[in-house]
PDB file of N, CA and C in Angstrom:
ATOM      1  N   UNK A   1     191.384 106.066 114.930  1.00  0.00           N
ATOM      2  CA  UNK A   1     191.112 107.158 113.995  1.00  0.00           C
ATOM      3  C   UNK A   1     191.009 108.230 113.724  1.00  0.00           C
ATOM      4  N   UNK A   2     191.566 108.744 112.833  1.00  0.00           N
ATOM      5  CA  UNK A   2     192.290 110.727 113.022  1.00  0.00           C
ATOM      6  C   UNK A   2     191.275 111.528 112.138  1.00  0.00           C
ATOM      7  N   UNK A   3     190.884 112.730 111.938  1.00  0.00           N
ATOM      8  CA  UNK A   3     190.350 113.411 111.759  1.00  0.00           C
ATOM      9  C   UNK A   3     189.770 113.306 110.263  1.00  0.00           C
ATOM     10  N   UNK A   4     191.306 112.594 109.864  1.00  0.00           N
ATOM     11  CA  UNK A   4     190.766 112.802 108.006  1.00  0.00           C
ATOM     12  C   UNK A   4     189.844 111.300 107.789  1.00  0.00           C
ATOM     13  N   UNK A   5     190.417 110.206 108.542  1.00  0.00           N
ATOM     14  CA  UNK A   5     189.459 109.473 108.473  1.00  0.00           C
ATOM     15  C   UNK A   5     188.032 108.948 108.637  1.00  0.00           C
ATOM     16  N   UNK A   6     187.561 110.087 109.792  1.00  0.00           N
ATOM     17  CA  UNK A   6     185.983 109.968 110.303  1.00  0.00           C
ATOM     18  C   UNK A   6     185.501 110.834 109.288  1.00  0.00           C
ATOM     19  N   UNK A   7     186.529 112.307 108.572  1.00  0.00           N
ATOM     20  CA  UNK A   7     185.666 112.779 107.665  1.00  0.00           C
ATOM     21  C   UNK A   7     185.512 111.888 106.244  1.00  0.00           C
ATOM     22  N   UNK A   8     186.483 111.232 105.713  1.00  0.00           N
ATOM     23  CA  UNK A   8     186.349 110.412 104.861  1.00  0.00           C
ATOM     24  C   UNK A   8     185.354 109.266 105.131  1.00  0.00           C
ATOM     25  N   UNK A   9     185.157 108.900 106.008  1.00  0.00           N
ATOM     26  CA  UNK A   9     184.219 107.501 106.441  1.00  0.00           C
ATOM     27  C   UNK A   9     182.416 108.522 106.306  1.00  0.00           C
ATOM     28  N   UNK A  10     182.291 110.037 106.635  1.00  0.00           N
ATOM     29  CA  UNK A  10     181.161 110.555 106.753  1.00  0.00           C
ATOM     30  C   UNK A  10     180.561 110.648 105.527  1.00  0.00           C
ATOM     31  N   UNK A  11     178.738 110.702 104.830  1.00  0.00           N
ATOM     32  CA  UNK A  11     178.701 110.914 103.521  1.00  0.00           C
ATOM     33  C   UNK A  11     179.321 112.755 103.673  1.00  0.00           C
ATOM     34  N   UNK A  12     179.390 113.247 101.865  1.00  0.00           N
ATOM     35  CA  UNK A  12     179.786 114.793 101.772  1.00  0.00           C
ATOM     36  C   UNK A  12     178.570 115.526 101.846  1.00  0.00           C
ATOM     37  N   UNK A  13     178.298 116.311 102.853  1.00  0.00           N
ATOM     38  CA  UNK A  13     177.494 117.244 102.843  1.00  0.00           C
ATOM     39  C   UNK A  13     177.538 118.656 102.322  1.00  0.00           C
ATOM     40  N   UNK A  14     176.605 119.036 100.755  1.00  0.00           N
ATOM     41  CA  UNK A  14     177.653 120.211 100.383  1.00  0.00           C
ATOM     42  C   UNK A  14     176.153 121.463 100.803  1.00  0.00           C
ATOM     43  N   UNK A  15     176.994 122.265 100.953  1.00  0.00           N
ATOM     44  CA  UNK A  15     175.910 123.588 101.517  1.00  0.00           C
ATOM     45  C   UNK A  15     176.015 124.596 100.635  1.00  0.00           C
ATOM     46  N   UNK A  16     175.084 126.029 100.605  1.00  0.00           N
ATOM     47  CA  UNK A  16     175.452 127.292  99.722  1.00  0.00           C
ATOM     48  C   UNK A  16     176.226 127.899 100.493  1.00  0.00           C
ATOM     49  N   UNK A  17     177.590 128.324  99.910  1.00  0.00           N
ATOM     50  CA  UNK A  17     178.032 129.473 100.470  1.00  0.00           C
ATOM     51  C   UNK A  17     177.372 130.796 100.502  1.00  0.00           C
ATOM     52  N   UNK A  18     177.501 131.020 101.921  1.00  0.00           N
ATOM     53  CA  UNK A  18     176.507 132.757 102.575  1.00  0.00           C
ATOM     54  C   UNK A  18     176.906 133.794 101.004  1.00  0.00           C
ATOM     55  N   UNK A  19     178.260 133.350 100.869  1.00  0.00           N
ATOM     56  CA  UNK A  19     178.947 134.673 100.020  1.00  0.00           C
ATOM     57  C   UNK A  19     178.502 134.791  98.417  1.00  0.00           C
ATOM     58  N   UNK A  20     179.184 133.638  98.958  1.00  0.00           N
ATOM     59  CA  UNK A  20     178.925 133.621  96.774  1.00  0.00           C
ATOM     60  C   UNK A  20     178.058 132.388  95.956  1.00  0.00           C
ATOM     61  N   UNK A  21     177.477 132.029  97.039  1.00  0.00           N
ATOM     62  CA  UNK A  21     176.240 131.368  96.367  1.00  0.00           C
ATOM     63  C   UNK A  21     176.331 129.908  95.440  1.00  0.00           C
ATOM     64  N   UNK A  22     178.093 129.648  95.906  1.00  0.00           N
ATOM     65  CA  UNK A  22     178.159 128.574  95.216  1.00  0.00           C
ATOM     66  C   UNK A  22     178.328 127.077  95.902  1.00  0.00           C
ATOM     67  N   UNK A  23     178.678 125.826  95.526  1.00  0.00           N
ATOM     68  CA  UNK A  23     178.517 125.182  96.525  1.00  0.00           C
ATOM     69  C   UNK A  23     179.943 125.169  97.541  1.00  0.00           C
ATOM     70  N   UNK A  24     179.752 124.276  98.599  1.00  0.00           N
ATOM     71  CA  UNK A  24     180.547 124.840  99.754  1.00  0.00           C
ATOM     72  C   UNK A  24     180.688 123.492 100.686  1.00  0.00           C
ATOM     73  N   UNK A  25     182.050 122.667 100.509  1.00  0.00           N
ATOM     74  CA  UNK A  25     181.380 121.343 101.360  1.00  0.00           C
ATOM     75  C   UNK A  25     181.766 121.808 102.489  1.00  0.00           C
ATOM     76  N   UNK A  26     180.989 120.875 103.464  1.00  0.00           N
ATOM     77  CA  UNK A  26     180.758 121.195 104.954  1.00  0.00           C
ATOM     78  C   UNK A  26     181.363 120.535 105.494  1.00  0.00           C
ATOM     79  N   UNK A  27     182.296 120.033 105.997  1.00  0.00           N
ATOM     80  CA  UNK A  27     183.359 118.848 106.566  1.00  0.00           C
ATOM     81  C   UNK A  27     184.430 119.803 106.543  1.00  0.00           C
ATOM     82  N   UNK A  28     185.186 118.692 107.973  1.00  0.00           N
ATOM     83  CA  UNK A  28     186.208 119.302 108.632  1.00  0.00           C
ATOM     84  C   UNK A  28     187.875 119.382 107.838  1.00  0.00           C
ATOM     85  N   UNK A  29     187.769 119.007 106.884  1.00  0.00           N
ATOM     86  CA  UNK A  29     188.479 119.383 105.710  1.00  0.00           C
ATOM     87  C   UNK A  29     188.554 120.126 104.827  1.00  0.00           C
ATOM     88  N   UNK A  30     186.883 121.216 105.071  1.00  0.00           N
ATOM     89  CA  UNK A  30     186.728 122.720 104.307  1.00  0.00           C
ATOM     90  C   UNK A  30     186.979 123.583 105.708  1.00  0.00           C
ATOM     91  N   UNK A  31     188.866 124.225 105.527  1.00  0.00           N
ATOM     92  CA  UNK A  31     188.569 125.080 106.482  1.00  0.00           C
ATOM     93  C   UNK A  31     188.225 126.685 106.841  1.00  0.00           C
ATOM     94  N   UNK A  32     187.156 126.723 105.823  1.00  0.00           N
ATOM     95  CA  UNK A  32     186.272 127.801 105.488  1.00  0.00           C
ATOM     96  C   UNK A  32     184.868 127.377 105.795  1.00  0.00           C
ATOM     97  N   UNK A  33     184.618 126.124 105.954  1.00  0.00           N
ATOM     98  CA  UNK A  33     183.054 126.142 105.987  1.00  0.00           C
ATOM     99  C   UNK A  33     182.547 127.107 106.936  1.00  0.00           C
ATOM    100  N   UNK A  34     181.362 127.781 106.731  1.00  0.00           N
ATOM    101  CA  UNK A  34     180.398 127.401 105.514  1.00  0.00           C
ATOM    102  C   UNK A  34     180.591 128.048 104.098  1.00  0.00           C
ATOM    103  N   UNK A  35     181.830 128.219 104.295  1.00  0.00           N
ATOM    104  CA  UNK A  35     181.895 129.493 103.185  1.00  0.00           C
ATOM    105  C   UNK A  35     183.110 128.461 102.134  1.00  0.00           C
ATOM    106  N   UNK A  36     182.869 128.778 101.073  1.00  0.00           N
ATOM    107  CA  UNK A  36     183.782 128.159 100.423  1.00  0.00           C
ATOM    108  C   UNK A  36     185.382 127.876  99.436  1.00  0.00           C
ATOM    109  N   UNK A  37     185.447 129.328 100.172  1.00  0.00           N
ATOM    110  CA  UNK A  37     186.972 129.741 100.144  1.00  0.00           C
ATOM    111  C   UNK A  37     187.491 131.227 101.402  1.00  0.00           C
ATOM    112  N   UNK A  38     188.588 130.646 101.830  1.00  0.00           N
ATOM    113  CA  UNK A  38     189.130 132.081 102.937  1.00  0.00           C
ATOM    114  C   UNK A  38     188.491 133.347 101.975  1.00  0.00           C
ATOM    115  N   UNK A  39     188.232 133.666 100.480  1.00  0.00           N
ATOM    116  CA  UNK A  39     188.152 134.948  99.920  1.00  0.00           C
ATOM    117  C   UNK A  39     186.679 135.003 100.493  1.00  0.00           C
ATOM    118  N   UNK A  40     185.996 134.081 100.476  1.00  0.00           N
ATOM    119  CA  UNK A  40     184.508 134.150 100.742  1.00  0.00           C
ATOM    120  C   UNK A  40     184.695 134.539 102.302  1.00  0.00           C
ATOM    121  N   UNK A  41     185.364 133.749 103.021  1.00  0.00           N
ATOM    122  CA  UNK A  41     185.368 133.774 104.520  1.00  0.00           C
ATOM    123  C   UNK A  41     185.242 135.551 104.958  1.00  0.00           C
ATOM    124  N   UNK A  42     186.800 135.974 104.368  1.00  0.00           N
ATOM    125  CA  UNK A  42     187.219 137.204 104.747  1.00  0.00           C
ATOM    126  C   UNK A  42     186.362 138.343 104.202  1.00  0.00           C
ATOM    127  N   UNK A  43     185.744 138.140 102.781  1.00  0.00           N
ATOM    128  CA  UNK A  43     184.268 138.852 102.167  1.00  0.00           C
ATOM    129  C   UNK A  43     183.741 139.514 103.744  1.00  0.00           C
ATOM    130  N   UNK A  44     182.651 138.213 104.041  1.00  0.00           N
ATOM    131  CA  UNK A  44     181.647 138.049 105.068  1.00  0.00           C
ATOM    132  C   UNK A  44     182.373 138.916 106.134  1.00  0.00           C
ATOM    133  N   UNK A  45     183.623 138.780 106.524  1.00  0.00           N
ATOM    134  CA  UNK A  45     184.354 139.352 107.564  1.00  0.00           C
ATOM    135  C   UNK A  45     184.190 140.665 107.758  1.00  0.00           C
ATOM    136  N   UNK A  46     184.905 141.064 106.403  1.00  0.00           N
ATOM    137  CA  UNK A  46     184.828 142.331 106.134  1.00  0.00           C
ATOM    138  C   UNK A  46     183.262 143.270 106.294  1.00  0.00           C
ATOM    139  N   UNK A  47     182.246 142.362 105.714  1.00  0.00           N
ATOM    140  CA  UNK A  47     180.974 143.446 105.917  1.00  0.00           C
ATOM    141  C   UNK A  47     180.460 143.279 107.341  1.00  0.00           C
ATOM    142  N   UNK A  48     181.080 142.191 108.279  1.00  0.00           N
ATOM    143  CA  UNK A  48     180.361 142.156 109.745  1.00  0.00           C
ATOM    144  C   UNK A  48     181.375 143.683 110.482  1.00  0.00           C
ATOM    145  N   UNK A  49     182.732 143.179 110.220  1.00  0.00           N
ATOM    146  CA  UNK A  49     183.830 144.938 110.809  1.00  0.00           C
ATOM    147  C   UNK A  49     182.806 146.012 110.581  1.00  0.00           C
ATOM    148  N   UNK A  50     182.641 145.991 109.371  1.00  0.00           N
ATOM    149  CA  UNK A  50     182.430 147.406 108.732  1.00  0.00           C
ATOM    150  C   UNK A  50     180.596 147.772 109.247  1.00  0.00           C
ATOM    151  N   UNK A  51     179.938 146.929 109.450  1.00  0.00           N
ATOM    152  CA  UNK A  51     178.765 147.399 110.084  1.00  0.00           C
ATOM    153  C   UNK A  51     177.955 147.069 108.740  1.00  0.00           C
ATOM    154  N   UNK A  52     178.388 146.480 107.883  1.00  0.00           N
ATOM    155  CA  UNK A  52     177.690 146.200 106.721  1.00  0.00           C
ATOM    156  C   UNK A  52     176.333 145.941 106.846  1.00  0.00           C
ATOM    157  N   UNK A  53     176.371 144.779 107.790  1.00  0.00           N
ATOM    158  CA  UNK A  53     175.455 143.472 107.970  1.00  0.00           C
ATOM    159  C   UNK A  53     174.457 144.195 109.655  1.00  0.00           C
ATOM    160  N   UNK A  54     173.566 144.834 109.426  1.00  0.00           N
ATOM    161  CA  UNK A  54     172.904 145.905 110.625  1.00  0.00           C
ATOM    162  C   UNK A  54     171.863 144.913 110.549  1.00  0.00           C
ATOM    163  N   UNK A  55     170.961 145.354 111.772  1.00  0.00           N
ATOM    164  CA  UNK A  55     169.315 144.843 111.451  1.00  0.00           C
ATOM    165  C   UNK A  55     168.530 146.008 112.111  1.00  0.00           C
ATOM    166  N   UNK A  56     167.905 146.877 111.203  1.00  0.00           N
ATOM    167  CA  UNK A  56     167.269 148.306 111.496  1.00  0.00           C
ATOM    168  C   UNK A  56     166.735 147.570 112.939  1.00  0.00           C
ATOM    169  N   UNK A  57     166.825 148.840 113.523  1.00  0.00           N
ATOM    170  CA  UNK A  57     166.358 149.211 115.021  1.00  0.00           C
ATOM    171  C   UNK A  57     165.592 150.314 115.174  1.00  0.00           C
ATOM    172  N   UNK A  58     164.231 150.609 115.750  1.00  0.00           N
ATOM    173  CA  UNK A  58     163.546 151.679 116.096  1.00  0.00           C
ATOM    174  C   UNK A  58     164.206 152.085 117.182  1.00  0.00           C
ATOM    175  N   UNK A  59     164.227 153.322 117.823  1.00  0.00           N
ATOM    176  CA  UNK A  59     164.730 153.554 118.530  1.00  0.00           C
ATOM    177  C   UNK A  59     163.429 153.606 119.771  1.00  0.00           C
ATOM    178  N   UNK A  60     163.310 153.268 120.893  1.00  0.00           N
ATOM    179  CA  UNK A  60     162.054 153.507 122.132  1.00  0.00           C
ATOM    180  C   UNK A  60     161.629 155.236 122.194  1.00  0.00           C
ATOM    181  N   UNK A  61     160.509 155.483 122.369  1.00  0.00           N
ATOM    182  CA  UNK A  61     160.209 156.909 122.276  1.00  0.00           C
ATOM    183  C   UNK A  61     160.698 157.003 123.689  1.00  0.00           C
ATOM    184  N   UNK A  62     161.308 158.320 124.068  1.00  0.00           N
ATOM    185  CA  UNK A  62     161.912 159.305 125.126  1.00  0.00           C
ATOM    186  C   UNK A  62     161.374 159.142 126.578  1.00  0.00           C
ATOM    187  N   UNK A  63     159.700 159.802 126.316  1.00  0.00           N
ATOM    188  CA  UNK A  63     158.932 159.326 127.251  1.00  0.00           C
ATOM    189  C   UNK A  63     158.634 157.856 127.775  1.00  0.00           C
ATOM    190  N   UNK A  64     159.048 157.255 127.280  1.00  0.00           N
ATOM    191  CA  UNK A  64     158.993 155.550 128.218  1.00  0.00           C
ATOM    192  C   UNK A  64     160.338 155.445 128.691  1.00  0.00           C
ATOM    193  N   UNK A  65     160.315 155.391 130.087  1.00  0.00           N
ATOM    194  CA  UNK A  65     160.918 154.955 131.148  1.00  0.00           C
ATOM    195  C   UNK A  65     161.457 152.697 131.057  1.00  0.00           C
ATOM    196  N   UNK A  66     162.463 152.482 130.648  1.00  0.00           N
ATOM    197  CA  UNK A  66     162.894 151.767 130.347  1.00  0.00           C
ATOM    198  C   UNK A  66     163.893 150.948 131.385  1.00  0.00           C
ATOM    199  N   UNK A  67     163.900 149.636 132.212  1.00  0.00           N
ATOM    200  CA  UNK A  67     164.452 149.145 132.848  1.00  0.00           C
ATOM    201  C   UNK A  67     163.831 149.573 134.400  1.00  0.00           C
ATOM    202  N   UNK A  68     164.517 149.234 134.958  1.00  0.00           N
ATOM    203  CA  UNK A  68     164.336 149.497 136.899  1.00  0.00           C
ATOM    204  C   UNK A  68     164.247 151.773 136.886  1.00  0.00           C
ATOM    205  N   UNK A  69     162.887 151.512 137.355  1.00  0.00           N
ATOM    206  CA  UNK A  69     162.442 152.494 137.706  1.00  0.00           C
ATOM    207  C   UNK A  69     163.170 153.373 138.551  1.00  0.00           C
ATOM    208  N   UNK A  70     163.287 152.840 139.808  1.00  0.00           N
ATOM    209  CA  UNK A  70     164.152 153.152 140.897  1.00  0.00           C
ATOM    210  C   UNK A  70     165.714 153.686 140.872  1.00  0.00           C
ATOM    211  N   UNK A  71     166.012 153.553 139.555  1.00  0.00           N
ATOM    212  CA  UNK A  71     167.472 153.617 139.405  1.00  0.00           C
ATOM    213  C   UNK A  71     167.718 154.865 138.239  1.00  0.00           C
ATOM    214  N   UNK A  72     166.837 155.330 137.974  1.00  0.00           N
ATOM    215  CA  UNK A  72     166.342 156.693 137.304  1.00  0.00           C
ATOM    216  C   UNK A  72     166.520 157.640 137.865  1.00  0.00           C
TER     217      UNK A  72
END
């Protein structure tokens, strides 16, 4: 049984594309999954590469020692 036979036998699962919020087929036949297209995949990759996706982080206070104090 080939991958396309297996893919055809499984029920189709539709998910929301993380970029455009449109429908995206989540199956082996969609090379861009979970994205709906190559464009959406590249837009997302570009955002990660330019550090547009980042988590805010508070800098630790300077007076607190982190790690092994013997190595400080």
